């Protein structure tokens, strides 16, 4: 898989090259934090810092759900 940051948005190309995924700003922040080796708590803190108006009570759940989707899609190893 290939990941490119294009104007602040992460674009993923699957290993087979048959699918292109562009992440929204929140997903892009999560992806970059993953690339830096952050754990769940650090990823949530990164998203909270990047998007201070996001509802804090939902952040951990939303990040966990997104990470599970990445694992299910085979884009990251769980």
PDB file of N, CA and C in Angstrom:
ATOM      1  N   UNK A   1       0.831  -1.177   0.000  1.00  0.00           N
ATOM      2  CA  UNK A   1       0.000   0.000   0.000  1.00  0.00           C
ATOM      3  C   UNK A   1       0.877   1.242   0.000  1.00  0.00           C
ATOM      4  N   UNK A   2       0.374   2.243  -0.618  1.00  0.00           N
ATOM      5  CA  UNK A   2       1.065   3.524  -0.702  1.00  0.00           C
ATOM      6  C   UNK A   2       0.185   4.583  -0.054  1.00  0.00           C
ATOM      7  N   UNK A   3       0.787   5.449   0.741  1.00  0.00           N
ATOM      8  CA  UNK A   3       0.069   6.555   1.372  1.00  0.00           C
ATOM      9  C   UNK A   3       0.785   7.847   1.012  1.00  0.00           C
ATOM     10  N   UNK A   4       0.027   8.807   0.548  1.00  0.00           N
ATOM     11  CA  UNK A   4       0.571  10.119   0.198  1.00  0.00           C
ATOM     12  C   UNK A   4      -0.250  11.200   0.883  1.00  0.00           C
ATOM     13  N   UNK A   5       0.423  12.225   1.353  1.00  0.00           N
ATOM     14  CA  UNK A   5      -0.247  13.373   1.943  1.00  0.00           C
ATOM     15  C   UNK A   5      -0.346  14.442   0.862  1.00  0.00           C
ATOM     16  N   UNK A   6      -1.577  14.728   0.444  1.00  0.00           N
ATOM     17  CA  UNK A   6      -1.820  15.687  -0.631  1.00  0.00           C
ATOM     18  C   UNK A   6      -2.619  16.855  -0.059  1.00  0.00           C
ATOM     19  N   UNK A   7      -1.966  17.981   0.094  1.00  0.00           N
ATOM     20  CA  UNK A   7      -2.615  19.180   0.631  1.00  0.00           C
ATOM     21  C   UNK A   7      -3.306  18.921   1.967  1.00  0.00           C
ATOM     22  N   UNK A   8      -2.642  18.147   2.836  1.00  0.00           N
ATOM     23  CA  UNK A   8      -3.176  17.893   4.160  1.00  0.00           C
ATOM     24  C   UNK A   8      -4.140  16.732   4.256  1.00  0.00           C
ATOM     25  N   UNK A   9      -4.450  16.107   3.138  1.00  0.00           N
ATOM     26  CA  UNK A   9      -5.356  14.962   3.116  1.00  0.00           C
ATOM     27  C   UNK A   9      -4.542  13.732   2.727  1.00  0.00           C
ATOM     28  N   UNK A  10      -4.681  12.655   3.495  1.00  0.00           N
ATOM     29  CA  UNK A  10      -3.967  11.421   3.186  1.00  0.00           C
ATOM     30  C   UNK A  10      -4.757  10.635   2.150  1.00  0.00           C
ATOM     31  N   UNK A  11      -4.052  10.213   1.118  1.00  0.00           N
ATOM     32  CA  UNK A  11      -4.624   9.381   0.061  1.00  0.00           C
ATOM     33  C   UNK A  11      -3.930   8.030   0.127  1.00  0.00           C
ATOM     34  N   UNK A  12      -4.719   6.956   0.208  1.00  0.00           N
ATOM     35  CA  UNK A  12      -4.189   5.602   0.289  1.00  0.00           C
ATOM     36  C   UNK A  12      -4.454   4.877  -1.023  1.00  0.00           C
ATOM     37  N   UNK A  13      -3.457   4.144  -1.476  1.00  0.00           N
ATOM     38  CA  UNK A  13      -3.608   3.292  -2.649  1.00  0.00           C
ATOM     39  C   UNK A  13      -3.317   1.879  -2.177  1.00  0.00           C
ATOM     40  N   UNK A  14      -4.261   0.967  -2.392  1.00  0.00           N
ATOM     41  CA  UNK A  14      -4.097  -0.400  -1.919  1.00  0.00           C
ATOM     42  C   UNK A  14      -2.910  -1.067  -2.600  1.00  0.00           C
ATOM     43  N   UNK A  15      -2.418  -2.130  -1.964  1.00  0.00           N
ATOM     44  CA  UNK A  15      -1.260  -2.857  -2.486  1.00  0.00           C
ATOM     45  C   UNK A  15      -1.511  -3.360  -3.901  1.00  0.00           C
ATOM     46  N   UNK A  16      -2.738  -3.765  -4.187  1.00  0.00           N
ATOM     47  CA  UNK A  16      -3.073  -4.254  -5.525  1.00  0.00           C
ATOM     48  C   UNK A  16      -3.191  -3.108  -6.522  1.00  0.00           C
ATOM     49  N   UNK A  17      -3.267  -1.897  -6.010  1.00  0.00           N
ATOM     50  CA  UNK A  17      -3.391  -0.728  -6.885  1.00  0.00           C
ATOM     51  C   UNK A  17      -4.766  -0.567  -7.490  1.00  0.00           C
ATOM     52  N   UNK A  18      -5.742  -1.294  -6.942  1.00  0.00           N
ATOM     53  CA  UNK A  18      -7.080  -1.254  -7.529  1.00  0.00           C
ATOM     54  C   UNK A  18      -8.071  -0.400  -6.757  1.00  0.00           C
ATOM     55  N   UNK A  19      -7.601   0.247  -5.701  1.00  0.00           N
ATOM     56  CA  UNK A  19      -8.500   1.077  -4.912  1.00  0.00           C
ATOM     57  C   UNK A  19      -7.761   2.298  -4.396  1.00  0.00           C
ATOM     58  N   UNK A  20      -8.410   3.426  -4.471  1.00  0.00           N
ATOM     59  CA  UNK A  20      -7.875   4.700  -4.010  1.00  0.00           C
ATOM     60  C   UNK A  20      -8.815   5.222  -2.929  1.00  0.00           C
ATOM     61  N   UNK A  21      -8.256   5.526  -1.766  1.00  0.00           N
ATOM     62  CA  UNK A  21      -9.058   6.027  -0.651  1.00  0.00           C
ATOM     63  C   UNK A  21      -8.510   7.367  -0.205  1.00  0.00           C
ATOM     64  N   UNK A  22      -9.375   8.362  -0.134  1.00  0.00           N
ATOM     65  CA  UNK A  22      -8.933   9.642   0.405  1.00  0.00           C
ATOM     66  C   UNK A  22      -9.600   9.821   1.758  1.00  0.00           C
ATOM     67  N   UNK A  23      -8.778  10.059   2.764  1.00  0.00           N
ATOM     68  CA  UNK A  23      -9.269  10.194   4.125  1.00  0.00           C
ATOM     69  C   UNK A  23      -9.686  11.629   4.395  1.00  0.00           C
ATOM     70  N   UNK A  24     -10.702  11.788   5.210  1.00  0.00           N
ATOM     71  CA  UNK A  24     -11.107  13.140   5.595  1.00  0.00           C
ATOM     72  C   UNK A  24     -10.047  13.695   6.552  1.00  0.00           C
ATOM     73  N   UNK A  25     -10.152  14.955   6.934  1.00  0.00           N
ATOM     74  CA  UNK A  25      -9.117  15.539   7.803  1.00  0.00           C
ATOM     75  C   UNK A  25      -8.908  14.777   9.116  1.00  0.00           C
ATOM     76  N   UNK A  26      -9.976  14.281   9.712  1.00  0.00           N
ATOM     77  CA  UNK A  26      -9.831  13.523  10.952  1.00  0.00           C
ATOM     78  C   UNK A  26      -9.127  12.202  10.692  1.00  0.00           C
ATOM     79  N   UNK A  27      -9.557  11.488   9.663  1.00  0.00           N
ATOM     80  CA  UNK A  27      -8.908  10.229   9.298  1.00  0.00           C
ATOM     81  C   UNK A  27      -7.448  10.433   8.952  1.00  0.00           C
ATOM     82  N   UNK A  28      -7.153  11.540   8.300  1.00  0.00           N
ATOM     83  CA  UNK A  28      -5.767  11.855   7.948  1.00  0.00           C
ATOM     84  C   UNK A  28      -4.924  12.072   9.203  1.00  0.00           C
ATOM     85  N   UNK A  29      -5.489  12.763  10.197  1.00  0.00           N
ATOM     86  CA  UNK A  29      -4.770  12.980  11.455  1.00  0.00           C
ATOM     87  C   UNK A  29      -4.505  11.646  12.150  1.00  0.00           C
ATOM     88  N   UNK A  30      -5.485  10.754  12.129  1.00  0.00           N
ATOM     89  CA  UNK A  30      -5.308   9.430  12.726  1.00  0.00           C
ATOM     90  C   UNK A  30      -4.217   8.667  11.988  1.00  0.00           C
ATOM     91  N   UNK A  31      -4.251   8.702  10.663  1.00  0.00           N
ATOM     92  CA  UNK A  31      -3.262   7.973   9.860  1.00  0.00           C
ATOM     93  C   UNK A  31      -1.845   8.465  10.151  1.00  0.00           C
ATOM     94  N   UNK A  32      -1.680   9.781  10.216  1.00  0.00           N
ATOM     95  CA  UNK A  32      -0.352  10.330  10.490  1.00  0.00           C
ATOM     96  C   UNK A  32       0.122   9.932  11.894  1.00  0.00           C
ATOM     97  N   UNK A  33      -0.783   9.933  12.858  1.00  0.00           N
ATOM     98  CA  UNK A  33      -0.422   9.536  14.216  1.00  0.00           C
ATOM     99  C   UNK A  33      -0.031   8.055  14.251  1.00  0.00           C
ATOM    100  N   UNK A  34      -0.747   7.230  13.506  1.00  0.00           N
ATOM    101  CA  UNK A  34      -0.382   5.818  13.410  1.00  0.00           C
ATOM    102  C   UNK A  34       1.022   5.665  12.839  1.00  0.00           C
ATOM    103  N   UNK A  35       1.300   6.433  11.812  1.00  0.00           N
ATOM    104  CA  UNK A  35       2.619   6.378  11.177  1.00  0.00           C
ATOM    105  C   UNK A  35       3.737   6.794  12.110  1.00  0.00           C
ATOM    106  N   UNK A  36       3.398   7.611  13.097  1.00  0.00           N
ATOM    107  CA  UNK A  36       4.388   8.052  14.083  1.00  0.00           C
ATOM    108  C   UNK A  36       4.509   7.064  15.250  1.00  0.00           C
ATOM    109  N   UNK A  37       3.722   5.980  15.184  1.00  0.00           N
ATOM    110  CA  UNK A  37       3.804   4.965  16.220  1.00  0.00           C
ATOM    111  C   UNK A  37       2.965   5.240  17.453  1.00  0.00           C
ATOM    112  N   UNK A  38       1.989   6.132  17.343  1.00  0.00           N
ATOM    113  CA  UNK A  38       1.169   6.503  18.496  1.00  0.00           C
ATOM    114  C   UNK A  38       0.228   5.363  18.894  1.00  0.00           C
ATOM    115  N   UNK A  39      -0.029   5.269  20.202  1.00  0.00           N
ATOM    116  CA  UNK A  39      -1.030   4.323  20.681  1.00  0.00           C
ATOM    117  C   UNK A  39      -2.402   5.009  20.680  1.00  0.00           C
ATOM    118  N   UNK A  40      -3.439   4.272  21.077  1.00  0.00           N
ATOM    119  CA  UNK A  40      -4.806   4.803  21.006  1.00  0.00           C
ATOM    120  C   UNK A  40      -4.952   6.115  21.770  1.00  0.00           C
ATOM    121  N   UNK A  41      -4.436   6.172  22.984  1.00  0.00           N
ATOM    122  CA  UNK A  41      -4.575   7.403  23.780  1.00  0.00           C
ATOM    123  C   UNK A  41      -3.895   8.586  23.106  1.00  0.00           C
ATOM    124  N   UNK A  42      -2.722   8.353  22.532  1.00  0.00           N
ATOM    125  CA  UNK A  42      -1.999   9.433  21.852  1.00  0.00           C
ATOM    126  C   UNK A  42      -2.723   9.856  20.578  1.00  0.00           C
ATOM    127  N   UNK A  43      -3.325   8.895  19.889  1.00  0.00           N
ATOM    128  CA  UNK A  43      -4.079   9.234  18.668  1.00  0.00           C
ATOM    129  C   UNK A  43      -5.286  10.088  19.035  1.00  0.00           C
ATOM    130  N   UNK A  44      -6.003   9.693  20.065  1.00  0.00           N
ATOM    131  CA  UNK A  44      -7.168  10.474  20.510  1.00  0.00           C
ATOM    132  C   UNK A  44      -6.732  11.880  20.905  1.00  0.00           C
ATOM    133  N   UNK A  45      -5.617  12.002  21.614  1.00  0.00           N
ATOM    134  CA  UNK A  45      -5.114  13.327  22.011  1.00  0.00           C
ATOM    135  C   UNK A  45      -4.742  14.148  20.788  1.00  0.00           C
ATOM    136  N   UNK A  46      -4.157  13.516  19.783  1.00  0.00           N
ATOM    137  CA  UNK A  46      -3.797  14.218  18.543  1.00  0.00           C
ATOM    138  C   UNK A  46      -5.041  14.756  17.851  1.00  0.00           C
ATOM    139  N   UNK A  47      -6.061  13.928  17.768  1.00  0.00           N
ATOM    140  CA  UNK A  47      -7.311  14.354  17.118  1.00  0.00           C
ATOM    141  C   UNK A  47      -7.968  15.463  17.934  1.00  0.00           C
ATOM    142  N   UNK A  48      -7.949  15.329  19.253  1.00  0.00           N
ATOM    143  CA  UNK A  48      -8.544  16.360  20.116  1.00  0.00           C
ATOM    144  C   UNK A  48      -7.830  17.699  19.925  1.00  0.00           C
ATOM    145  N   UNK A  49      -6.503  17.658  19.817  1.00  0.00           N
ATOM    146  CA  UNK A  49      -5.731  18.887  19.609  1.00  0.00           C
ATOM    147  C   UNK A  49      -6.003  19.496  18.234  1.00  0.00           C
ATOM    148  N   UNK A  50      -6.132  18.632  17.219  1.00  0.00           N
ATOM    149  CA  UNK A  50      -6.345  19.122  15.851  1.00  0.00           C
ATOM    150  C   UNK A  50      -7.768  19.637  15.634  1.00  0.00           C
ATOM    151  N   UNK A  51      -8.718  19.065  16.379  1.00  0.00           N
ATOM    152  CA  UNK A  51     -10.123  19.425  16.197  1.00  0.00           C
ATOM    153  C   UNK A  51     -10.765  19.692  17.560  1.00  0.00           C
ATOM    154  N   UNK A  52     -10.419  20.813  18.174  1.00  0.00           N
ATOM    155  CA  UNK A  52     -10.887  21.086  19.538  1.00  0.00           C
ATOM    156  C   UNK A  52     -12.405  21.239  19.662  1.00  0.00           C
ATOM    157  N   UNK A  53     -13.093  21.485  18.556  1.00  0.00           N
ATOM    158  CA  UNK A  53     -14.547  21.630  18.619  1.00  0.00           C
ATOM    159  C   UNK A  53     -15.273  20.287  18.522  1.00  0.00           C
ATOM    160  N   UNK A  54     -14.532  19.212  18.267  1.00  0.00           N
ATOM    161  CA  UNK A  54     -15.147  17.886  18.180  1.00  0.00           C
ATOM    162  C   UNK A  54     -15.620  17.470  19.573  1.00  0.00           C
ATOM    163  N   UNK A  55     -16.752  16.772  19.622  1.00  0.00           N
ATOM    164  CA  UNK A  55     -17.265  16.338  20.928  1.00  0.00           C
ATOM    165  C   UNK A  55     -16.301  15.358  21.605  1.00  0.00           C
ATOM    166  N   UNK A  56     -15.749  15.758  22.726  1.00  0.00           N
ATOM    167  CA  UNK A  56     -14.706  14.990  23.409  1.00  0.00           C
ATOM    168  C   UNK A  56     -15.177  13.604  23.819  1.00  0.00           C
ATOM    169  N   UNK A  57     -16.447  13.485  24.207  1.00  0.00           N
ATOM    170  CA  UNK A  57     -16.936  12.192  24.684  1.00  0.00           C
ATOM    171  C   UNK A  57     -17.015  11.143  23.578  1.00  0.00           C
ATOM    172  N   UNK A  58     -17.065  11.557  22.340  1.00  0.00           N
ATOM    173  CA  UNK A  58     -17.175  10.613  21.228  1.00  0.00           C
ATOM    174  C   UNK A  58     -15.840  10.305  20.566  1.00  0.00           C
ATOM    175  N   UNK A  59     -14.803  11.078  20.874  1.00  0.00           N
ATOM    176  CA  UNK A  59     -13.528  10.928  20.166  1.00  0.00           C
ATOM    177  C   UNK A  59     -12.928   9.531  20.277  1.00  0.00           C
ATOM    178  N   UNK A  60     -12.823   8.999  21.481  1.00  0.00           N
ATOM    179  CA  UNK A  60     -12.199   7.683  21.665  1.00  0.00           C
ATOM    180  C   UNK A  60     -12.976   6.610  20.915  1.00  0.00           C
ATOM    181  N   UNK A  61     -14.284   6.674  20.975  1.00  0.00           N
ATOM    182  CA  UNK A  61     -15.119   5.698  20.264  1.00  0.00           C
ATOM    183  C   UNK A  61     -14.952   5.837  18.762  1.00  0.00           C
ATOM    184  N   UNK A  62     -14.974   7.060  18.271  1.00  0.00           N
ATOM    185  CA  UNK A  62     -14.837   7.289  16.832  1.00  0.00           C
ATOM    186  C   UNK A  62     -13.473   6.831  16.325  1.00  0.00           C
ATOM    187  N   UNK A  63     -12.419   7.132  17.078  1.00  0.00           N
ATOM    188  CA  UNK A  63     -11.075   6.716  16.668  1.00  0.00           C
ATOM    189  C   UNK A  63     -10.969   5.196  16.690  1.00  0.00           C
ATOM    190  N   UNK A  64     -11.486   4.558  17.724  1.00  0.00           N
ATOM    191  CA  UNK A  64     -11.452   3.096  17.809  1.00  0.00           C
ATOM    192  C   UNK A  64     -12.204   2.457  16.652  1.00  0.00           C
ATOM    193  N   UNK A  65     -13.353   3.013  16.322  1.00  0.00           N
ATOM    194  CA  UNK A  65     -14.144   2.492  15.203  1.00  0.00           C
ATOM    195  C   UNK A  65     -13.384   2.628  13.896  1.00  0.00           C
ATOM    196  N   UNK A  66     -12.763   3.775  13.679  1.00  0.00           N
ATOM    197  CA  UNK A  66     -11.997   3.995  12.450  1.00  0.00           C
ATOM    198  C   UNK A  66     -10.812   3.030  12.371  1.00  0.00           C
ATOM    199  N   UNK A  67     -10.108   2.831  13.488  1.00  0.00           N
ATOM    200  CA  UNK A  67      -8.980   1.903  13.499  1.00  0.00           C
ATOM    201  C   UNK A  67      -9.451   0.483  13.168  1.00  0.00           C
ATOM    202  N   UNK A  68     -10.596   0.090  13.702  1.00  0.00           N
ATOM    203  CA  UNK A  68     -11.149  -1.237  13.394  1.00  0.00           C
ATOM    204  C   UNK A  68     -11.477  -1.361  11.915  1.00  0.00           C
ATOM    205  N   UNK A  69     -11.981  -0.279  11.314  1.00  0.00           N
ATOM    206  CA  UNK A  69     -12.276  -0.284   9.874  1.00  0.00           C
ATOM    207  C   UNK A  69     -11.000  -0.420   9.058  1.00  0.00           C
ATOM    208  N   UNK A  70      -9.928   0.235   9.487  1.00  0.00           N
ATOM    209  CA  UNK A  70      -8.650   0.113   8.791  1.00  0.00           C
ATOM    210  C   UNK A  70      -8.132  -1.322   8.865  1.00  0.00           C
ATOM    211  N   UNK A  71      -8.260  -1.941  10.030  1.00  0.00           N
ATOM    212  CA  UNK A  71      -7.826  -3.330  10.200  1.00  0.00           C
ATOM    213  C   UNK A  71      -8.669  -4.242   9.319  1.00  0.00           C
ATOM    214  N   UNK A  72      -9.990  -4.061   9.350  1.00  0.00           N
ATOM    215  CA  UNK A  72     -10.896  -4.889   8.548  1.00  0.00           C
ATOM    216  C   UNK A  72     -10.607  -4.772   7.058  1.00  0.00           C
ATOM    217  N   UNK A  73     -10.229  -3.577   6.622  1.00  0.00           N
ATOM    218  CA  UNK A  73      -9.916  -3.348   5.207  1.00  0.00           C
ATOM    219  C   UNK A  73      -8.519  -3.853   4.838  1.00  0.00           C
ATOM    220  N   UNK A  74      -7.761  -4.293   5.838  1.00  0.00           N
ATOM    221  CA  UNK A  74      -6.414  -4.783   5.578  1.00  0.00           C
ATOM    222  C   UNK A  74      -5.407  -3.680   5.359  1.00  0.00           C
ATOM    223  N   UNK A  75      -5.726  -2.468   5.799  1.00  0.00           N
ATOM    224  CA  UNK A  75      -4.838  -1.333   5.609  1.00  0.00           C
ATOM    225  C   UNK A  75      -3.833  -1.177   6.742  1.00  0.00           C
ATOM    226  N   UNK A  76      -4.158  -1.734   7.899  1.00  0.00           N
ATOM    227  CA  UNK A  76      -3.222  -1.790   9.016  1.00  0.00           C
ATOM    228  C   UNK A  76      -3.376  -3.148   9.687  1.00  0.00           C
ATOM    229  N   UNK A  77      -2.378  -3.536  10.446  1.00  0.00           N
ATOM    230  CA  UNK A  77      -2.408  -4.789  11.188  1.00  0.00           C
ATOM    231  C   UNK A  77      -2.855  -4.488  12.601  1.00  0.00           C
ATOM    232  N   UNK A  78      -3.844  -5.226  13.079  1.00  0.00           N
ATOM    233  CA  UNK A  78      -4.415  -4.990  14.403  1.00  0.00           C
ATOM    234  C   UNK A  78      -3.617  -5.426  15.494  1.00  0.00           C
TER     235      UNK A  78
END
